[in-house]
Amino acid sequence: RGHAPNAPIWSVAFAPSGYYFASAGGDATARMWTTDRGAPVRLFAGHTSKSVNSVVFHPNCNYILTGADDKTARLWDVQTARCVRLLNGCSRGLNNVKISPCGRYASASDYSGIVHLWDLGTGKKMTELRPNKSADSASSRPPSMVHSLAFSSCGRALATGGDDCCVRVWDVQNMFSMPVVTDTPVKTYQTRRTILLDLQYTKRNLLLSVGKYANAISVDHSKSA
């Protein structure tokens, strides 16, 4: 126990060292815990929305990154619980955050399906990843949420997957030379009807995915509510 009563927990992540883990929930906070204590050892407060949707540890274990409905991602010092980077520039709330293996870049997806990338050293937003629907095999579908982000173990690629049943792999190795908006992934893998819920790269850069099969549902809009 530690979050506010009846507040949902939206995200949990272990530190690379394995002893600490962090949680993010519906009480506008993230908290850090240890595996041998029943109470949090750090409280991270500062988001201005009720829901903090995602949390992840920095590879060096000294920071955590959170994303929330207030349209920001925040980098926190685990020693002082202070926010050391405010990452903004998003038009919608953020549902997922990730940090690159080198620890230099942060990524986050928002509710409109746009993926944002920042330089953690400066807090500057580098680029947005927006699939070009006119040239995409999923063009018949409306903009959809991205449920999962995964950096390759080498840090050169970022994979995204979500409601449109499509996995996209983006080249992010030359972050500083990328345009403000990038709309063309290097690879696109279309599933038949599988909504992608999670993506993970192995140490050998094999990409694994998990999802749920979406049945076609016929909805009658002729009836009034």
C-alpha atoms as a PDB file:
ATOM      1  CA  ARG A   1       0.000   0.000   0.000  1.00  0.00           C
ATOM      2  CA  GLY A   2       1.124   3.575  -0.588  1.00  0.00           C
ATOM      3  CA  HIS A   3      -0.954   5.194  -3.329  1.00  0.00           C
ATOM      4  CA  ALA A   4      -4.186   6.977  -2.471  1.00  0.00           C
ATOM      5  CA  PRO A   5      -7.099   4.691  -1.483  1.00  0.00           C
ATOM      6  CA  ASN A   6      -9.043   3.376  -4.490  1.00  0.00           C
ATOM      7  CA  ALA A   7      -6.506   4.920  -6.906  1.00  0.00           C
ATOM      8  CA  PRO A   8      -5.710   2.548  -9.797  1.00  0.00           C
ATOM      9  CA  ILE A   9      -2.100   1.594 -10.513  1.00  0.00           C
ATOM     10  CA  TRP A  10      -1.464   2.070 -14.229  1.00  0.00           C
ATOM     11  CA  SER A  11       2.192   1.096 -14.547  1.00  0.00           C
ATOM     12  CA  VAL A  12       4.952  -0.725 -12.645  1.00  0.00           C
ATOM     13  CA  ALA A  13       8.629  -1.025 -13.609  1.00  0.00           C
ATOM     14  CA  PHE A  14      11.674  -2.624 -11.989  1.00  0.00           C
ATOM     15  CA  ALA A  15      15.051  -0.924 -11.876  1.00  0.00           C
ATOM     16  CA  PRO A  16      17.811  -2.656 -13.876  1.00  0.00           C
ATOM     17  CA  SER A  17      19.444  -3.566 -10.544  1.00  0.00           C
ATOM     18  CA  GLY A  18      16.283  -5.432  -9.522  1.00  0.00           C
ATOM     19  CA  TYR A  19      16.025  -4.190  -5.912  1.00  0.00           C
ATOM     20  CA  TYR A  20      13.933  -1.089  -6.557  1.00  0.00           C
ATOM     21  CA  PHE A  21      10.717  -0.755  -8.502  1.00  0.00           C
ATOM     22  CA  ALA A  22       8.417   2.148  -9.303  1.00  0.00           C
ATOM     23  CA  SER A  23       4.665   2.506  -9.704  1.00  0.00           C
ATOM     24  CA  ALA A  24       2.481   5.155 -11.328  1.00  0.00           C
ATOM     25  CA  GLY A  25      -1.187   5.601 -10.597  1.00  0.00           C
ATOM     26  CA  GLY A  26      -4.399   7.551 -10.599  1.00  0.00           C
ATOM     27  CA  ASP A  27      -3.468   9.807  -7.681  1.00  0.00           C
ATOM     28  CA  ALA A  28      -1.193  12.136  -9.715  1.00  0.00           C
ATOM     29  CA  THR A  29       1.961  10.509  -8.314  1.00  0.00           C
ATOM     30  CA  ALA A  30       4.642   7.932  -8.943  1.00  0.00           C
ATOM     31  CA  ARG A  31       6.324   6.085  -6.101  1.00  0.00           C
ATOM     32  CA  MET A  32       9.486   4.074  -5.624  1.00  0.00           C
ATOM     33  CA  TRP A  33       9.602   0.883  -3.577  1.00  0.00           C
ATOM     34  CA  THR A  34      12.026  -1.808  -2.502  1.00  0.00           C
ATOM     35  CA  THR A  35      11.372  -5.522  -2.651  1.00  0.00           C
ATOM     36  CA  ASP A  36      11.764  -5.943   1.125  1.00  0.00           C
ATOM     37  CA  ARG A  37       9.507  -3.110   2.354  1.00  0.00           C
ATOM     38  CA  GLY A  38       5.774  -2.632   2.269  1.00  0.00           C
ATOM     39  CA  ALA A  39       5.878   1.179   2.083  1.00  0.00           C
ATOM     40  CA  PRO A  40       7.253   3.463  -0.655  1.00  0.00           C
ATOM     41  CA  VAL A  41      10.682   5.021  -0.121  1.00  0.00           C
ATOM     42  CA  ARG A  42      10.177   7.933  -2.562  1.00  0.00           C
ATOM     43  CA  LEU A  43       7.185  10.004  -3.655  1.00  0.00           C
ATOM     44  CA  PHE A  44       7.313  11.778  -7.032  1.00  0.00           C
ATOM     45  CA  ALA A  45       4.670  14.508  -7.182  1.00  0.00           C
ATOM     46  CA  GLY A  46       4.359  17.289  -9.742  1.00  0.00           C
ATOM     47  CA  HIS A  47       2.137  16.130 -12.590  1.00  0.00           C
ATOM     48  CA  THR A  48      -0.954  18.315 -12.876  1.00  0.00           C
ATOM     49  CA  SER A  49      -3.325  15.577 -14.034  1.00  0.00           C
ATOM     50  CA  LYS A  50      -4.906  12.855 -11.942  1.00  0.00           C
ATOM     51  CA  SER A  51      -3.547   9.941 -13.971  1.00  0.00           C
ATOM     52  CA  VAL A  52       0.164   9.174 -14.287  1.00  0.00           C
ATOM     53  CA  ASN A  53      -0.006   6.453 -16.915  1.00  0.00           C
ATOM     54  CA  SER A  54       3.506   5.117 -17.375  1.00  0.00           C
ATOM     55  CA  VAL A  55       6.796   4.838 -15.504  1.00  0.00           C
ATOM     56  CA  VAL A  56      10.208   3.457 -16.458  1.00  0.00           C
ATOM     57  CA  PHE A  57      13.701   3.503 -14.915  1.00  0.00           C
ATOM     58  CA  HIS A  58      16.708   5.113 -16.571  1.00  0.00           C
ATOM     59  CA  PRO A  59      19.408   2.524 -17.444  1.00  0.00           C
ATOM     60  CA  ASN A  60      21.748   3.999 -14.805  1.00  0.00           C
ATOM     61  CA  CYS A  61      19.061   3.572 -12.081  1.00  0.00           C
ATOM     62  CA  ASN A  62      19.465   7.203 -10.941  1.00  0.00           C
ATOM     63  CA  TYR A  63      16.298   8.503 -12.596  1.00  0.00           C
ATOM     64  CA  ILE A  64      12.754   7.489 -13.458  1.00  0.00           C
ATOM     65  CA  LEU A  65      10.653   8.798 -16.325  1.00  0.00           C
ATOM     66  CA  THR A  66       6.882   9.253 -16.100  1.00  0.00           C
ATOM     67  CA  GLY A  67       4.174  10.197 -18.592  1.00  0.00           C
ATOM     68  CA  ALA A  68       0.736  11.532 -17.721  1.00  0.00           C
ATOM     69  CA  ASP A  69      -2.546  12.973 -18.921  1.00  0.00           C
ATOM     70  CA  ASP A  70      -1.161  16.512 -18.412  1.00  0.00           C
ATOM     71  CA  LYS A  71       0.608  16.149 -21.803  1.00  0.00           C
ATOM     72  CA  THR A  72       4.079  15.987 -20.254  1.00  0.00           C
ATOM     73  CA  ALA A  73       6.781  13.470 -19.476  1.00  0.00           C
ATOM     74  CA  ARG A  74       8.991  14.146 -16.474  1.00  0.00           C
ATOM     75  CA  LEU A  75      12.417  12.875 -15.478  1.00  0.00           C
ATOM     76  CA  TRP A  76      12.917  12.503 -11.716  1.00  0.00           C
ATOM     77  CA  ASP A  77      16.025  12.150  -9.573  1.00  0.00           C
ATOM     78  CA  VAL A  78      15.490   9.057  -7.384  1.00  0.00           C
ATOM     79  CA  GLN A  79      17.715  10.443  -4.613  1.00  0.00           C
ATOM     80  CA  THR A  80      15.928  13.772  -4.152  1.00  0.00           C
ATOM     81  CA  ALA A  81      12.543  12.963  -5.785  1.00  0.00           C
ATOM     82  CA  ARG A  82      12.859  16.248  -7.706  1.00  0.00           C
ATOM     83  CA  CYS A  83      11.857  16.716 -11.329  1.00  0.00           C
ATOM     84  CA  VAL A  84      15.043  17.452 -13.290  1.00  0.00           C
ATOM     85  CA  ARG A  85      13.554  17.503 -16.822  1.00  0.00           C
ATOM     86  CA  LEU A  86      10.127  18.594 -18.020  1.00  0.00           C
ATOM     87  CA  LEU A  87       9.475  17.153 -21.475  1.00  0.00           C
ATOM     88  CA  ASN A  88       6.609  18.879 -23.266  1.00  0.00           C
ATOM     89  CA  GLY A  89       5.394  19.726 -26.751  1.00  0.00           C
ATOM     90  CA  CYS A  90       2.542  17.199 -26.883  1.00  0.00           C
ATOM     91  CA  SER A  91      -1.059  18.009 -27.783  1.00  0.00           C
ATOM     92  CA  ARG A  92      -2.576  15.000 -26.000  1.00  0.00           C
ATOM     93  CA  GLY A  93      -1.995  13.038 -22.822  1.00  0.00           C
ATOM     94  CA  LEU A  94       0.810  10.452 -22.762  1.00  0.00           C
ATOM     95  CA  ASN A  95       0.060   6.776 -22.223  1.00  0.00           C
ATOM     96  CA  ASN A  96       3.518   5.206 -22.584  1.00  0.00           C
ATOM     97  CA  VAL A  97       7.155   6.219 -22.034  1.00  0.00           C
ATOM     98  CA  LYS A  98      10.500   4.558 -22.746  1.00  0.00           C
ATOM     99  CA  ILE A  99      14.210   5.471 -22.447  1.00  0.00           C
ATOM    100  CA  SER A 100      16.809   4.377 -25.002  1.00  0.00           C
ATOM    101  CA  PRO A 101      19.436   1.828 -23.883  1.00  0.00           C
ATOM    102  CA  CYS A 102      22.167   4.495 -23.949  1.00  0.00           C
ATOM    103  CA  GLY A 103      20.060   6.654 -21.605  1.00  0.00           C
ATOM    104  CA  ARG A 104      20.254   9.727 -23.808  1.00  0.00           C
ATOM    105  CA  TYR A 105      16.808   9.764 -25.413  1.00  0.00           C
ATOM    106  CA  ALA A 106      13.237   9.472 -24.171  1.00  0.00           C
ATOM    107  CA  SER A 107      10.191   8.472 -26.172  1.00  0.00           C
ATOM    108  CA  ALA A 108       6.492   8.744 -25.388  1.00  0.00           C
ATOM    109  CA  SER A 109       3.265   7.982 -27.205  1.00  0.00           C
ATOM    110  CA  ASP A 110       0.141  10.100 -26.852  1.00  0.00           C
ATOM    111  CA  TYR A 111      -3.553   9.310 -27.197  1.00  0.00           C
ATOM    112  CA  SER A 112      -3.617  10.380 -30.847  1.00  0.00           C
ATOM    113  CA  GLY A 113      -0.989   7.810 -31.862  1.00  0.00           C
ATOM    114  CA  ILE A 114       1.933  10.247 -32.220  1.00  0.00           C
ATOM    115  CA  VAL A 115       5.300   9.209 -30.780  1.00  0.00           C
ATOM    116  CA  HIS A 116       7.514  11.993 -29.411  1.00  0.00           C
ATOM    117  CA  LEU A 117      11.297  11.873 -28.924  1.00  0.00           C
ATOM    118  CA  TRP A 118      13.412  14.097 -26.655  1.00  0.00           C
ATOM    119  CA  ASP A 119      17.085  14.577 -25.830  1.00  0.00           C
ATOM    120  CA  LEU A 120      17.303  14.020 -22.069  1.00  0.00           C
ATOM    121  CA  GLY A 121      20.546  15.981 -21.850  1.00  0.00           C
ATOM    122  CA  THR A 122      18.844  19.221 -22.838  1.00  0.00           C
ATOM    123  CA  GLY A 123      15.134  18.442 -22.540  1.00  0.00           C
ATOM    124  CA  LYS A 124      14.710  19.470 -26.182  1.00  0.00           C
ATOM    125  CA  LYS A 125      12.128  17.713 -28.315  1.00  0.00           C
ATOM    126  CA  MET A 126      13.844  16.160 -31.322  1.00  0.00           C
ATOM    127  CA  THR A 127      11.132  14.750 -33.560  1.00  0.00           C
ATOM    128  CA  GLU A 128       7.658  13.244 -33.869  1.00  0.00           C
ATOM    129  CA  LEU A 129       6.905   9.894 -35.464  1.00  0.00           C
ATOM    130  CA  ARG A 130       3.627  10.069 -37.384  1.00  0.00           C
ATOM    131  CA  PRO A 131       2.761   7.225 -39.770  1.00  0.00           C
ATOM    132  CA  ASN A 132       1.925   8.440 -43.257  1.00  0.00           C
ATOM    133  CA  LYS A 133      -1.565   6.987 -43.653  1.00  0.00           C
ATOM    134  CA  SER A 134      -1.692   7.674 -47.387  1.00  0.00           C
ATOM    135  CA  ALA A 135       1.273   5.345 -47.936  1.00  0.00           C
ATOM    136  CA  ASP A 136       0.529   2.919 -45.153  1.00  0.00           C
ATOM    137  CA  SER A 137      -1.126  -0.486 -45.393  1.00  0.00           C
ATOM    138  CA  ALA A 138      -3.377   0.502 -42.484  1.00  0.00           C
ATOM    139  CA  SER A 139      -4.577   3.658 -44.221  1.00  0.00           C
ATOM    140  CA  SER A 140      -8.217   2.639 -44.014  1.00  0.00           C
ATOM    141  CA  ARG A 141      -8.108   2.852 -40.230  1.00  0.00           C
ATOM    142  CA  PRO A 142      -8.473   6.130 -38.310  1.00  0.00           C
ATOM    143  CA  PRO A 143      -5.609   7.429 -36.112  1.00  0.00           C
ATOM    144  CA  SER A 144      -5.204   5.033 -33.208  1.00  0.00           C
ATOM    145  CA  MET A 145      -3.437   4.704 -29.890  1.00  0.00           C
ATOM    146  CA  VAL A 146       0.054   3.264 -29.619  1.00  0.00           C
ATOM    147  CA  HIS A 147       0.125   0.829 -26.708  1.00  0.00           C
ATOM    148  CA  SER A 148       3.764  -0.188 -26.801  1.00  0.00           C
ATOM    149  CA  LEU A 149       7.213   1.248 -27.512  1.00  0.00           C
ATOM    150  CA  ALA A 150      10.452  -0.729 -27.615  1.00  0.00           C
ATOM    151  CA  PHE A 151      14.013   0.365 -28.348  1.00  0.00           C
ATOM    152  CA  SER A 152      16.271  -2.233 -29.911  1.00  0.00           C
ATOM    153  CA  SER A 153      19.145  -3.397 -27.703  1.00  0.00           C
ATOM    154  CA  CYS A 154      21.586  -1.470 -29.909  1.00  0.00           C
ATOM    155  CA  GLY A 155      19.425   1.662 -29.655  1.00  0.00           C
ATOM    156  CA  ARG A 156      19.219   2.201 -33.411  1.00  0.00           C
ATOM    157  CA  ALA A 157      15.558   1.271 -33.851  1.00  0.00           C
ATOM    158  CA  LEU A 158      12.290   2.048 -32.100  1.00  0.00           C
ATOM    159  CA  ALA A 159       9.326  -0.286 -32.594  1.00  0.00           C
ATOM    160  CA  THR A 160       5.737   0.862 -32.058  1.00  0.00           C
ATOM    161  CA  GLY A 161       2.472  -1.060 -31.978  1.00  0.00           C
ATOM    162  CA  GLY A 162      -1.136  -0.392 -31.084  1.00  0.00           C
ATOM    163  CA  ASP A 163      -4.795  -0.385 -32.009  1.00  0.00           C
ATOM    164  CA  ASP A 164      -4.265  -0.361 -35.778  1.00  0.00           C
ATOM    165  CA  CYS A 165      -2.898  -3.954 -35.677  1.00  0.00           C
ATOM    166  CA  CYS A 166       0.421  -2.848 -37.132  1.00  0.00           C
ATOM    167  CA  VAL A 167       4.031  -2.985 -35.920  1.00  0.00           C
ATOM    168  CA  ARG A 168       6.277  -0.194 -37.218  1.00  0.00           C
ATOM    169  CA  VAL A 169      10.043  -0.027 -36.864  1.00  0.00           C
ATOM    170  CA  TRP A 170      11.625   3.441 -36.993  1.00  0.00           C
ATOM    171  CA  ASP A 171      15.276   4.331 -37.580  1.00  0.00           C
ATOM    172  CA  VAL A 172      16.315   6.590 -34.690  1.00  0.00           C
ATOM    173  CA  GLN A 173      20.097   6.210 -34.804  1.00  0.00           C
ATOM    174  CA  ASN A 174      20.621   9.695 -36.306  1.00  0.00           C
ATOM    175  CA  MET A 175      18.327  11.589 -33.980  1.00  0.00           C
ATOM    176  CA  PHE A 176      19.910  15.008 -34.509  1.00  0.00           C
ATOM    177  CA  SER A 177      19.567  14.842 -38.298  1.00  0.00           C
ATOM    178  CA  MET A 178      15.936  13.682 -38.303  1.00  0.00           C
ATOM    179  CA  PRO A 179      13.222  16.082 -39.522  1.00  0.00           C
ATOM    180  CA  VAL A 180      10.793  17.682 -37.079  1.00  0.00           C
ATOM    181  CA  VAL A 181       8.142  15.196 -38.202  1.00  0.00           C
ATOM    182  CA  THR A 182       9.054  11.729 -39.479  1.00  0.00           C
ATOM    183  CA  ASP A 183       6.278   9.827 -41.252  1.00  0.00           C
ATOM    184  CA  THR A 184       7.989   6.824 -42.851  1.00  0.00           C
ATOM    185  CA  PRO A 185       9.082   3.805 -40.800  1.00  0.00           C
ATOM    186  CA  VAL A 186      11.826   1.573 -42.177  1.00  0.00           C
ATOM    187  CA  LYS A 187       9.688  -1.536 -41.683  1.00  0.00           C
ATOM    188  CA  THR A 188       5.971  -2.159 -41.321  1.00  0.00           C
ATOM    189  CA  TYR A 189       4.472  -5.468 -40.229  1.00  0.00           C
ATOM    190  CA  GLN A 190       0.706  -5.747 -40.596  1.00  0.00           C
ATOM    191  CA  THR A 191      -1.177  -8.336 -38.546  1.00  0.00           C
ATOM    192  CA  ARG A 192      -4.592  -9.585 -39.596  1.00  0.00           C
ATOM    193  CA  ARG A 193      -6.617  -8.463 -36.588  1.00  0.00           C
ATOM    194  CA  THR A 194      -4.220  -8.462 -33.654  1.00  0.00           C
ATOM    195  CA  ILE A 195      -4.115  -5.310 -31.541  1.00  0.00           C
ATOM    196  CA  LEU A 196      -0.520  -4.947 -30.303  1.00  0.00           C
ATOM    197  CA  LEU A 197      -0.332  -4.568 -26.528  1.00  0.00           C
ATOM    198  CA  ASP A 198       3.375  -5.075 -25.841  1.00  0.00           C
ATOM    199  CA  LEU A 199       6.672  -5.211 -27.733  1.00  0.00           C
ATOM    200  CA  GLN A 200      10.067  -6.374 -26.488  1.00  0.00           C
ATOM    201  CA  TYR A 201      13.473  -6.657 -28.138  1.00  0.00           C
ATOM    202  CA  THR A 202      15.793  -9.480 -27.106  1.00  0.00           C
ATOM    203  CA  LYS A 203      19.510  -8.886 -26.605  1.00  0.00           C
ATOM    204  CA  ARG A 204      20.018 -10.262 -30.122  1.00  0.00           C
ATOM    205  CA  ASN A 205      17.596  -7.645 -31.525  1.00  0.00           C
ATOM    206  CA  LEU A 206      14.758 -10.085 -32.157  1.00  0.00           C
ATOM    207  CA  LEU A 207      11.427  -8.312 -31.805  1.00  0.00           C
ATOM    208  CA  LEU A 208       8.700 -10.089 -29.840  1.00  0.00           C
ATOM    209  CA  SER A 209       5.077  -8.941 -29.731  1.00  0.00           C
ATOM    210  CA  VAL A 210       1.934  -9.854 -27.833  1.00  0.00           C
ATOM    211  CA  GLY A 211      -1.613  -8.734 -28.505  1.00  0.00           C
ATOM    212  CA  LYS A 212      -5.255  -9.642 -28.616  1.00  0.00           C
ATOM    213  CA  TYR A 213      -7.306 -10.766 -31.557  1.00  0.00           C
ATOM    214  CA  ALA A 214      -9.938  -8.165 -32.446  1.00  0.00           C
ATOM    215  CA  ASN A 215     -13.162  -9.678 -33.739  1.00  0.00           C
ATOM    216  CA  ALA A 216     -15.033  -7.685 -36.364  1.00  0.00           C
ATOM    217  CA  ILE A 217     -18.074  -6.211 -34.597  1.00  0.00           C
ATOM    218  CA  SER A 218     -21.031  -4.890 -36.493  1.00  0.00           C
ATOM    219  CA  VAL A 219     -22.537  -1.839 -34.827  1.00  0.00           C
ATOM    220  CA  ASP A 220     -26.004  -0.554 -35.701  1.00  0.00           C
ATOM    221  CA  HIS A 221     -25.915   3.239 -35.528  1.00  0.00           C
ATOM    222  CA  SER A 222     -29.513   3.646 -36.673  1.00  0.00           C
ATOM    223  CA  LYS A 223     -30.928   3.381 -33.150  1.00  0.00           C
ATOM    224  CA  SER A 224     -30.993   6.452 -30.987  1.00  0.00           C
ATOM    225  CA  ALA A 225     -29.467   6.340 -27.541  1.00  0.00           C
END
